[in-house]
Amino acid sequence: MSRKQDEPLPTVRLKAIKTIPEANDFLDSYLCAHNKRFSVAPKNSNKLFKEVPASLDLKWTFALSDIRTIASDFTIRWNSRLFLLLNPSLSLKGRKVQIKQALNGDLRFSSKDKILTVQEISEHDLRNAQQDRQRLARLLKQKDHHPKSKKSWMDGFYFGRPKVSLVK
């Protein structure tokens, strides 16, 4: 250690400082004298740092990032949690999603520079939604199903390729 770094300790011992308040009082007086003795005025008083641009969002710049894939049921699994897309479209199935977690815990889901809206759900909610969709599909199938009559007026028509017959 240099002489300047060792200077406060012998002075503390000489003054018999034993408590923290006494040490704080000594430090206040010592730092003022030290700064007067060793401080140097800058050659140039211009600021050398640059301002942070207003367009730069530091919250998401320093966020932790992860990549996941959107499942066929429009869900995303991340850190033992399940998220459901609230604005699904067929083009999103199988697409990669970037998940960012800010230092305060906020989450942001984005895909190709588009921020996605998600909602956290439980496995139970997902199973119920799938069962509801299956039930609705069955009801729609039953509603649209019209039984054919036993005899249709189109039974005699042939809708394939015309048969070639060789007439002699």
N, C-alpha and C. Protein backbone atom coordinates (compact mmCIF):
# COMPACT_ATOMS: atom_id res chain seq x y z
N MET A 1 0.83 -1.19 0.00
CA MET A 1 0.00 0.00 0.00
C MET A 1 0.87 1.25 0.00
N SER A 2 0.36 2.27 -0.62
CA SER A 2 1.12 3.52 -0.66
C SER A 2 0.91 4.30 0.64
N ARG A 3 1.71 5.29 0.83
CA ARG A 3 1.65 6.12 2.04
C ARG A 3 0.28 6.80 2.17
N LYS A 4 -0.28 7.26 1.07
CA LYS A 4 -1.56 7.97 1.09
C LYS A 4 -2.68 7.05 1.55
N GLN A 5 -2.62 5.77 1.16
CA GLN A 5 -3.67 4.84 1.54
C GLN A 5 -3.57 4.45 3.02
N ASP A 6 -2.35 4.43 3.57
CA ASP A 6 -2.16 4.03 4.97
C ASP A 6 -2.39 5.17 5.95
N GLU A 7 -2.49 6.38 5.49
CA GLU A 7 -2.53 7.55 6.36
C GLU A 7 -3.66 7.56 7.39
N PRO A 8 -4.91 7.22 7.05
CA PRO A 8 -5.98 7.34 8.05
C PRO A 8 -5.83 6.39 9.24
N LEU A 9 -5.34 5.17 9.03
CA LEU A 9 -5.31 4.19 10.12
C LEU A 9 -4.42 4.60 11.29
N PRO A 10 -3.18 5.03 11.06
CA PRO A 10 -2.38 5.46 12.22
C PRO A 10 -2.99 6.66 12.94
N THR A 11 -3.63 7.53 12.18
CA THR A 11 -4.26 8.70 12.79
C THR A 11 -5.42 8.27 13.68
N VAL A 12 -6.18 7.29 13.24
CA VAL A 12 -7.29 6.76 14.05
C VAL A 12 -6.73 6.17 15.33
N ARG A 13 -5.63 5.43 15.25
CA ARG A 13 -5.02 4.83 16.44
C ARG A 13 -4.49 5.91 17.39
N LEU A 14 -3.84 6.93 16.82
CA LEU A 14 -3.29 8.00 17.65
C LEU A 14 -4.38 8.77 18.39
N LYS A 15 -5.51 8.98 17.75
CA LYS A 15 -6.61 9.72 18.38
C LYS A 15 -7.45 8.84 19.29
N ALA A 16 -7.14 7.53 19.34
CA ALA A 16 -7.83 6.57 20.22
C ALA A 16 -9.33 6.53 19.94
N ILE A 17 -9.66 6.44 18.68
CA ILE A 17 -11.07 6.37 18.28
C ILE A 17 -11.54 4.94 18.47
N LYS A 18 -12.64 4.77 19.23
CA LYS A 18 -13.13 3.43 19.56
C LYS A 18 -14.57 3.18 19.11
N THR A 19 -15.37 4.20 18.86
CA THR A 19 -16.78 4.01 18.50
C THR A 19 -17.03 4.48 17.06
N ILE A 20 -18.13 4.02 16.53
CA ILE A 20 -18.48 4.38 15.15
C ILE A 20 -18.80 5.87 15.03
N PRO A 21 -19.55 6.49 15.95
CA PRO A 21 -19.79 7.94 15.81
C PRO A 21 -18.49 8.75 15.85
N GLU A 22 -17.54 8.35 16.70
CA GLU A 22 -16.24 9.05 16.74
C GLU A 22 -15.52 8.89 15.40
N ALA A 23 -15.60 7.67 14.81
CA ALA A 23 -14.95 7.41 13.52
C ALA A 23 -15.59 8.24 12.41
N ASN A 24 -16.91 8.37 12.44
CA ASN A 24 -17.61 9.17 11.42
C ASN A 24 -17.23 10.65 11.53
N ASP A 25 -17.13 11.17 12.76
CA ASP A 25 -16.72 12.56 12.95
C ASP A 25 -15.30 12.77 12.42
N PHE A 26 -14.41 11.83 12.73
CA PHE A 26 -13.03 11.93 12.25
C PHE A 26 -13.00 11.90 10.72
N LEU A 27 -13.78 10.99 10.12
CA LEU A 27 -13.78 10.85 8.66
C LEU A 27 -14.24 12.13 7.98
N ASP A 28 -15.26 12.80 8.54
CA ASP A 28 -15.74 14.06 7.95
C ASP A 28 -14.62 15.09 7.90
N SER A 29 -13.93 15.26 9.02
CA SER A 29 -12.85 16.26 9.06
C SER A 29 -11.66 15.83 8.20
N TYR A 30 -11.37 14.52 8.19
CA TYR A 30 -10.22 14.02 7.44
C TYR A 30 -10.45 14.17 5.93
N LEU A 31 -11.65 13.82 5.45
CA LEU A 31 -11.94 13.90 4.02
C LEU A 31 -11.88 15.33 3.50
N CYS A 32 -12.36 16.29 4.31
CA CYS A 32 -12.27 17.70 3.87
C CYS A 32 -10.81 18.11 3.68
N ALA A 33 -9.98 17.79 4.66
CA ALA A 33 -8.56 18.16 4.57
C ALA A 33 -7.88 17.41 3.43
N HIS A 34 -8.23 16.13 3.26
CA HIS A 34 -7.64 15.30 2.20
C HIS A 34 -8.00 15.85 0.81
N ASN A 35 -9.25 16.20 0.61
CA ASN A 35 -9.70 16.72 -0.68
C ASN A 35 -9.07 18.07 -1.00
N LYS A 36 -8.91 18.94 0.03
CA LYS A 36 -8.25 20.23 -0.21
C LYS A 36 -6.79 20.02 -0.63
N ARG A 37 -6.16 19.04 -0.02
CA ARG A 37 -4.74 18.80 -0.26
C ARG A 37 -4.48 18.15 -1.62
N PHE A 38 -5.34 17.18 -2.05
CA PHE A 38 -5.02 16.38 -3.23
C PHE A 38 -5.92 16.63 -4.45
N SER A 39 -6.94 17.45 -4.33
CA SER A 39 -7.83 17.66 -5.49
C SER A 39 -7.15 18.49 -6.57
N VAL A 40 -7.55 18.22 -7.82
CA VAL A 40 -7.00 18.92 -8.97
C VAL A 40 -8.18 19.40 -9.83
N ALA A 41 -8.12 20.62 -10.27
CA ALA A 41 -9.19 21.16 -11.12
C ALA A 41 -9.07 20.53 -12.51
N PRO A 42 -10.21 20.22 -13.15
CA PRO A 42 -10.15 19.62 -14.49
C PRO A 42 -9.67 20.63 -15.53
N LYS A 43 -8.98 20.12 -16.54
CA LYS A 43 -8.50 21.00 -17.62
C LYS A 43 -9.67 21.53 -18.45
N ASN A 44 -10.66 20.67 -18.66
CA ASN A 44 -11.80 21.03 -19.49
C ASN A 44 -13.07 20.82 -18.66
N SER A 45 -13.90 21.84 -18.55
CA SER A 45 -15.10 21.72 -17.73
C SER A 45 -16.32 21.21 -18.51
N ASN A 46 -16.13 20.87 -19.78
CA ASN A 46 -17.24 20.34 -20.57
C ASN A 46 -17.61 18.94 -20.09
N LYS A 47 -18.89 18.62 -20.20
CA LYS A 47 -19.36 17.29 -19.84
C LYS A 47 -18.89 16.30 -20.90
N LEU A 48 -18.35 15.19 -20.47
CA LEU A 48 -17.84 14.20 -21.41
C LEU A 48 -18.78 13.00 -21.58
N PHE A 49 -19.85 12.95 -20.82
CA PHE A 49 -20.79 11.84 -20.97
C PHE A 49 -21.92 12.24 -21.91
N LYS A 50 -22.55 11.24 -22.48
CA LYS A 50 -23.67 11.49 -23.39
C LYS A 50 -24.98 11.18 -22.67
N GLU A 51 -25.98 11.95 -22.98
CA GLU A 51 -27.31 11.72 -22.42
C GLU A 51 -27.90 10.44 -23.00
N VAL A 52 -28.69 9.76 -22.20
CA VAL A 52 -29.39 8.56 -22.68
C VAL A 52 -30.52 9.01 -23.59
N PRO A 53 -30.61 8.48 -24.83
CA PRO A 53 -31.69 8.89 -25.73
C PRO A 53 -33.06 8.54 -25.14
N ALA A 54 -34.00 9.41 -25.36
CA ALA A 54 -35.36 9.19 -24.83
C ALA A 54 -36.00 7.96 -25.46
N SER A 55 -35.58 7.61 -26.67
CA SER A 55 -36.17 6.44 -27.35
C SER A 55 -35.66 5.11 -26.79
N LEU A 56 -34.60 5.14 -26.00
CA LEU A 56 -34.03 3.91 -25.45
C LEU A 56 -34.75 3.56 -24.15
N ASP A 57 -35.41 2.41 -24.15
CA ASP A 57 -36.14 1.95 -22.97
C ASP A 57 -35.23 1.04 -22.17
N LEU A 58 -34.64 1.57 -21.11
CA LEU A 58 -33.66 0.82 -20.32
C LEU A 58 -34.29 -0.38 -19.61
N LYS A 59 -35.57 -0.28 -19.32
CA LYS A 59 -36.25 -1.39 -18.64
C LYS A 59 -36.14 -2.67 -19.46
N TRP A 60 -36.35 -2.57 -20.78
CA TRP A 60 -36.32 -3.77 -21.62
C TRP A 60 -34.95 -4.01 -22.24
N THR A 61 -34.07 -3.00 -22.22
CA THR A 61 -32.71 -3.18 -22.71
C THR A 61 -31.93 -4.12 -21.80
N PHE A 62 -32.13 -3.97 -20.49
CA PHE A 62 -31.40 -4.78 -19.52
C PHE A 62 -32.23 -5.96 -19.01
N ALA A 63 -33.24 -6.36 -19.75
CA ALA A 63 -34.10 -7.47 -19.34
C ALA A 63 -33.46 -8.81 -19.73
N LEU A 64 -33.81 -9.85 -18.97
CA LEU A 64 -33.39 -11.20 -19.31
C LEU A 64 -34.23 -11.69 -20.47
N SER A 65 -33.63 -12.40 -21.40
CA SER A 65 -34.33 -12.80 -22.62
C SER A 65 -34.31 -14.31 -22.78
N ASP A 66 -35.40 -14.86 -23.34
CA ASP A 66 -35.51 -16.29 -23.59
C ASP A 66 -36.37 -16.49 -24.84
N ILE A 67 -36.18 -17.62 -25.52
CA ILE A 67 -36.95 -17.93 -26.74
C ILE A 67 -37.80 -19.18 -26.48
N ARG A 68 -39.07 -19.11 -26.89
CA ARG A 68 -39.98 -20.25 -26.81
C ARG A 68 -40.78 -20.34 -28.11
N THR A 69 -41.52 -21.44 -28.29
CA THR A 69 -42.33 -21.66 -29.49
C THR A 69 -43.80 -21.70 -29.08
N ILE A 70 -44.65 -21.08 -29.92
CA ILE A 70 -46.10 -21.11 -29.66
C ILE A 70 -46.63 -22.48 -30.06
N ALA A 71 -47.32 -23.13 -29.13
CA ALA A 71 -47.89 -24.46 -29.38
C ALA A 71 -49.13 -24.35 -30.25
N SER A 72 -49.61 -25.50 -30.72
CA SER A 72 -50.76 -25.51 -31.62
C SER A 72 -52.05 -25.05 -30.93
N ASP A 73 -52.09 -25.08 -29.59
CA ASP A 73 -53.26 -24.60 -28.86
C ASP A 73 -53.09 -23.15 -28.41
N PHE A 74 -52.13 -22.43 -29.04
CA PHE A 74 -51.85 -21.02 -28.78
C PHE A 74 -51.40 -20.76 -27.35
N THR A 75 -50.63 -21.69 -26.80
CA THR A 75 -50.07 -21.51 -25.47
C THR A 75 -48.55 -21.45 -25.57
N ILE A 76 -47.96 -20.84 -24.55
CA ILE A 76 -46.51 -20.73 -24.45
C ILE A 76 -46.13 -21.19 -23.05
N ARG A 77 -45.21 -22.14 -22.98
CA ARG A 77 -44.73 -22.61 -21.68
C ARG A 77 -43.37 -21.97 -21.41
N TRP A 78 -43.25 -21.42 -20.17
CA TRP A 78 -42.01 -20.75 -19.79
C TRP A 78 -41.87 -20.79 -18.27
N ASN A 79 -40.74 -21.29 -17.79
CA ASN A 79 -40.43 -21.36 -16.35
C ASN A 79 -41.57 -21.99 -15.54
N SER A 80 -42.03 -23.14 -15.97
CA SER A 80 -43.11 -23.88 -15.31
C SER A 80 -44.41 -23.07 -15.24
N ARG A 81 -44.58 -22.15 -16.14
CA ARG A 81 -45.80 -21.35 -16.21
C ARG A 81 -46.39 -21.51 -17.60
N LEU A 82 -47.70 -21.31 -17.71
CA LEU A 82 -48.41 -21.48 -18.97
C LEU A 82 -49.12 -20.18 -19.31
N PHE A 83 -48.90 -19.70 -20.53
CA PHE A 83 -49.50 -18.45 -20.99
C PHE A 83 -50.33 -18.72 -22.23
N LEU A 84 -51.50 -18.09 -22.31
CA LEU A 84 -52.41 -18.24 -23.44
C LEU A 84 -52.43 -16.95 -24.24
N LEU A 85 -52.29 -17.06 -25.57
CA LEU A 85 -52.36 -15.87 -26.44
C LEU A 85 -53.80 -15.36 -26.45
N LEU A 86 -53.96 -14.07 -26.28
CA LEU A 86 -55.32 -13.49 -26.29
C LEU A 86 -55.74 -13.02 -27.67
N ASN A 87 -54.79 -12.89 -28.59
CA ASN A 87 -55.11 -12.48 -29.96
C ASN A 87 -54.54 -13.49 -30.95
N PRO A 88 -55.02 -14.74 -30.91
CA PRO A 88 -54.41 -15.78 -31.74
C PRO A 88 -54.78 -15.64 -33.21
N SER A 89 -53.85 -16.07 -34.06
CA SER A 89 -54.11 -16.21 -35.48
C SER A 89 -53.35 -17.45 -35.95
N LEU A 90 -53.81 -18.05 -37.03
CA LEU A 90 -53.20 -19.30 -37.49
C LEU A 90 -51.73 -19.12 -37.84
N SER A 91 -51.34 -17.93 -38.24
CA SER A 91 -49.94 -17.70 -38.63
C SER A 91 -49.00 -17.74 -37.42
N LEU A 92 -49.54 -17.65 -36.21
CA LEU A 92 -48.69 -17.66 -35.01
C LEU A 92 -48.32 -19.06 -34.55
N LYS A 93 -49.06 -20.08 -34.97
CA LYS A 93 -48.75 -21.45 -34.53
C LYS A 93 -47.35 -21.84 -34.96
N GLY A 94 -46.55 -22.31 -34.00
CA GLY A 94 -45.20 -22.77 -34.30
C GLY A 94 -44.18 -21.65 -34.43
N ARG A 95 -44.59 -20.42 -34.29
CA ARG A 95 -43.66 -19.28 -34.42
C ARG A 95 -42.85 -19.13 -33.13
N LYS A 96 -41.62 -18.66 -33.29
CA LYS A 96 -40.75 -18.40 -32.14
C LYS A 96 -41.17 -17.09 -31.47
N VAL A 97 -41.11 -17.10 -30.15
CA VAL A 97 -41.49 -15.94 -29.35
C VAL A 97 -40.33 -15.58 -28.44
N GLN A 98 -40.02 -14.30 -28.36
CA GLN A 98 -38.99 -13.83 -27.43
C GLN A 98 -39.69 -13.36 -26.17
N ILE A 99 -39.27 -13.93 -25.04
CA ILE A 99 -39.83 -13.56 -23.75
C ILE A 99 -38.77 -12.77 -23.01
N LYS A 100 -39.12 -11.56 -22.59
CA LYS A 100 -38.18 -10.73 -21.83
C LYS A 100 -38.75 -10.52 -20.44
N GLN A 101 -37.88 -10.68 -19.44
CA GLN A 101 -38.27 -10.43 -18.06
C GLN A 101 -37.45 -9.26 -17.54
N ALA A 102 -38.13 -8.17 -17.21
CA ALA A 102 -37.45 -6.98 -16.70
C ALA A 102 -36.95 -7.25 -15.29
N LEU A 103 -36.07 -6.40 -14.80
CA LEU A 103 -35.49 -6.58 -13.48
C LEU A 103 -36.55 -6.48 -12.37
N ASN A 104 -37.66 -5.81 -12.64
CA ASN A 104 -38.74 -5.73 -11.65
C ASN A 104 -39.73 -6.89 -11.76
N GLY A 105 -39.51 -7.82 -12.71
CA GLY A 105 -40.36 -9.01 -12.85
C GLY A 105 -41.38 -8.93 -13.96
N ASP A 106 -41.57 -7.78 -14.58
CA ASP A 106 -42.53 -7.64 -15.68
C ASP A 106 -42.11 -8.51 -16.86
N LEU A 107 -43.10 -9.04 -17.60
CA LEU A 107 -42.84 -9.89 -18.76
C LEU A 107 -43.33 -9.22 -20.03
N ARG A 108 -42.60 -9.47 -21.13
CA ARG A 108 -43.01 -8.99 -22.45
C ARG A 108 -42.79 -10.12 -23.44
N PHE A 109 -43.85 -10.43 -24.21
CA PHE A 109 -43.80 -11.47 -25.23
C PHE A 109 -43.83 -10.78 -26.59
N SER A 110 -42.87 -11.10 -27.46
CA SER A 110 -42.86 -10.49 -28.79
C SER A 110 -42.44 -11.50 -29.84
N SER A 111 -42.97 -11.30 -31.04
CA SER A 111 -42.64 -12.15 -32.18
C SER A 111 -42.52 -11.27 -33.41
N LYS A 112 -41.36 -11.28 -34.03
CA LYS A 112 -41.09 -10.46 -35.22
C LYS A 112 -41.48 -9.00 -34.99
N ASP A 113 -40.96 -8.40 -33.94
CA ASP A 113 -41.18 -7.00 -33.59
C ASP A 113 -42.64 -6.65 -33.30
N LYS A 114 -43.46 -7.65 -33.00
CA LYS A 114 -44.85 -7.41 -32.64
C LYS A 114 -45.05 -7.90 -31.21
N ILE A 115 -45.55 -7.04 -30.35
CA ILE A 115 -45.76 -7.41 -28.95
C ILE A 115 -47.07 -8.19 -28.86
N LEU A 116 -47.01 -9.35 -28.22
CA LEU A 116 -48.17 -10.24 -28.09
C LEU A 116 -48.84 -10.04 -26.74
N THR A 117 -50.16 -10.16 -26.71
CA THR A 117 -50.92 -10.06 -25.48
C THR A 117 -51.19 -11.47 -24.98
N VAL A 118 -50.79 -11.74 -23.74
CA VAL A 118 -50.95 -13.08 -23.17
C VAL A 118 -51.61 -12.98 -21.80
N GLN A 119 -52.11 -14.12 -21.37
CA GLN A 119 -52.69 -14.23 -20.03
C GLN A 119 -52.17 -15.52 -19.42
N GLU A 120 -51.75 -15.47 -18.19
CA GLU A 120 -51.28 -16.68 -17.52
C GLU A 120 -52.49 -17.52 -17.11
N ILE A 121 -52.43 -18.80 -17.42
CA ILE A 121 -53.52 -19.72 -17.07
C ILE A 121 -52.92 -20.95 -16.39
N SER A 122 -53.80 -21.75 -15.80
CA SER A 122 -53.35 -22.99 -15.17
C SER A 122 -53.63 -24.16 -16.12
N GLU A 123 -53.03 -25.31 -15.81
CA GLU A 123 -53.28 -26.51 -16.62
C GLU A 123 -54.76 -26.88 -16.58
N HIS A 124 -55.39 -26.69 -15.44
CA HIS A 124 -56.81 -27.00 -15.28
C HIS A 124 -57.66 -26.14 -16.22
N ASP A 125 -57.36 -24.85 -16.30
CA ASP A 125 -58.09 -23.95 -17.21
C ASP A 125 -57.92 -24.39 -18.66
N LEU A 126 -56.71 -24.82 -19.02
CA LEU A 126 -56.43 -25.26 -20.39
C LEU A 126 -57.24 -26.51 -20.72
N ARG A 127 -57.26 -27.48 -19.81
CA ARG A 127 -58.05 -28.70 -20.05
C ARG A 127 -59.53 -28.39 -20.21
N ASN A 128 -60.06 -27.51 -19.37
CA ASN A 128 -61.47 -27.12 -19.46
C ASN A 128 -61.77 -26.46 -20.80
N ALA A 129 -60.90 -25.59 -21.25
CA ALA A 129 -61.09 -24.90 -22.53
C ALA A 129 -61.08 -25.90 -23.69
N GLN A 130 -60.17 -26.87 -23.63
CA GLN A 130 -60.11 -27.88 -24.70
C GLN A 130 -61.37 -28.73 -24.72
N GLN A 131 -61.87 -29.10 -23.53
CA GLN A 131 -63.10 -29.89 -23.47
C GLN A 131 -64.29 -29.08 -24.00
N ASP A 132 -64.33 -27.78 -23.67
CA ASP A 132 -65.41 -26.92 -24.17
C ASP A 132 -65.37 -26.83 -25.70
N ARG A 133 -64.15 -26.71 -26.27
CA ARG A 133 -64.02 -26.64 -27.73
C ARG A 133 -64.49 -27.94 -28.38
N GLN A 134 -64.14 -29.07 -27.78
CA GLN A 134 -64.56 -30.37 -28.34
C GLN A 134 -66.07 -30.51 -28.26
N ARG A 135 -66.67 -30.09 -27.17
CA ARG A 135 -68.12 -30.17 -27.00
C ARG A 135 -68.82 -29.29 -28.04
N LEU A 136 -68.29 -28.08 -28.26
CA LEU A 136 -68.86 -27.17 -29.24
C LEU A 136 -68.75 -27.75 -30.65
N ALA A 137 -67.62 -28.37 -30.96
CA ALA A 137 -67.43 -28.98 -32.29
C ALA A 137 -68.44 -30.10 -32.51
N ARG A 138 -68.67 -30.90 -31.48
CA ARG A 138 -69.66 -31.98 -31.61
C ARG A 138 -71.06 -31.42 -31.83
N LEU A 139 -71.42 -30.36 -31.10
CA LEU A 139 -72.74 -29.74 -31.27
C LEU A 139 -72.91 -29.18 -32.68
N LEU A 140 -71.88 -28.52 -33.18
CA LEU A 140 -71.96 -27.96 -34.53
C LEU A 140 -72.08 -29.06 -35.57
N LYS A 141 -71.40 -30.16 -35.36
CA LYS A 141 -71.49 -31.28 -36.30
C LYS A 141 -72.91 -31.85 -36.32
N GLN A 142 -73.48 -31.97 -35.14
CA GLN A 142 -74.84 -32.50 -35.06
C GLN A 142 -75.83 -31.55 -35.71
N LYS A 143 -75.65 -30.26 -35.53
CA LYS A 143 -76.56 -29.27 -36.08
C LYS A 143 -76.51 -29.26 -37.60
N ASP A 144 -75.31 -29.38 -38.16
CA ASP A 144 -75.14 -29.31 -39.61
C ASP A 144 -75.45 -30.64 -40.30
N HIS A 145 -75.59 -31.68 -39.55
CA HIS A 145 -75.79 -32.99 -40.15
C HIS A 145 -77.25 -33.15 -40.58
N HIS A 146 -77.46 -33.29 -41.88
CA HIS A 146 -78.80 -33.52 -42.43
C HIS A 146 -78.79 -34.92 -43.01
N PRO A 147 -79.61 -35.79 -42.45
CA PRO A 147 -79.61 -37.15 -43.00
C PRO A 147 -80.17 -37.15 -44.42
N LYS A 148 -79.54 -37.96 -45.27
CA LYS A 148 -80.01 -38.07 -46.65
C LYS A 148 -81.31 -38.86 -46.70
N SER A 149 -82.08 -38.51 -47.67
CA SER A 149 -83.30 -39.31 -47.85
C SER A 149 -82.89 -40.67 -48.41
N LYS A 150 -83.75 -41.60 -48.31
CA LYS A 150 -83.42 -42.95 -48.76
C LYS A 150 -83.22 -42.98 -50.27
N LYS A 151 -83.96 -42.21 -50.97
CA LYS A 151 -83.86 -42.19 -52.42
C LYS A 151 -83.63 -40.76 -52.86
N SER A 152 -82.51 -40.51 -53.48
CA SER A 152 -82.21 -39.17 -53.94
C SER A 152 -82.46 -39.07 -55.43
N TRP A 153 -82.85 -37.92 -55.90
CA TRP A 153 -83.10 -37.75 -57.33
C TRP A 153 -81.81 -37.76 -58.12
N MET A 154 -80.63 -37.65 -57.43
CA MET A 154 -79.34 -37.63 -58.14
C MET A 154 -78.66 -38.99 -58.14
N ASP A 155 -79.33 -40.02 -57.64
CA ASP A 155 -78.69 -41.33 -57.55
C ASP A 155 -78.23 -41.86 -58.91
N GLY A 156 -78.91 -41.56 -59.99
CA GLY A 156 -78.57 -42.11 -61.29
C GLY A 156 -77.46 -41.37 -62.01
N PHE A 157 -77.06 -40.23 -61.53
CA PHE A 157 -76.03 -39.45 -62.21
C PHE A 157 -74.64 -39.95 -61.86
N TYR A 158 -73.75 -39.87 -62.88
CA TYR A 158 -72.37 -40.29 -62.70
C TYR A 158 -71.50 -39.04 -62.80
N PHE A 159 -70.66 -38.78 -61.77
CA PHE A 159 -69.85 -37.57 -61.76
C PHE A 159 -68.36 -37.86 -61.96
N GLY A 160 -68.01 -38.92 -62.57
CA GLY A 160 -66.61 -39.26 -62.81
C GLY A 160 -66.22 -38.91 -64.23
N ARG A 161 -65.14 -39.51 -64.71
CA ARG A 161 -64.72 -39.34 -66.09
C ARG A 161 -65.68 -40.08 -66.99
N PRO A 162 -65.93 -39.53 -68.13
CA PRO A 162 -66.83 -40.26 -69.04
C PRO A 162 -66.18 -41.57 -69.49
N LYS A 163 -66.99 -42.58 -69.52
CA LYS A 163 -66.47 -43.87 -69.97
C LYS A 163 -66.33 -43.84 -71.50
N VAL A 164 -65.21 -44.30 -71.94
CA VAL A 164 -64.98 -44.34 -73.39
C VAL A 164 -65.53 -45.67 -73.89
N SER A 165 -66.36 -45.54 -74.87
CA SER A 165 -66.88 -46.78 -75.46
C SER A 165 -66.46 -46.81 -76.94
N LEU A 166 -66.02 -47.91 -77.35
CA LEU A 166 -65.63 -48.08 -78.76
C LEU A 166 -66.83 -48.65 -79.51
N VAL A 167 -67.40 -47.82 -80.32
CA VAL A 167 -68.56 -48.24 -81.10
C VAL A 167 -68.06 -48.60 -82.49
N LYS A 168 -68.41 -49.76 -82.93
CA LYS A 168 -68.00 -50.19 -84.26
C LYS A 168 -69.11 -50.05 -85.23
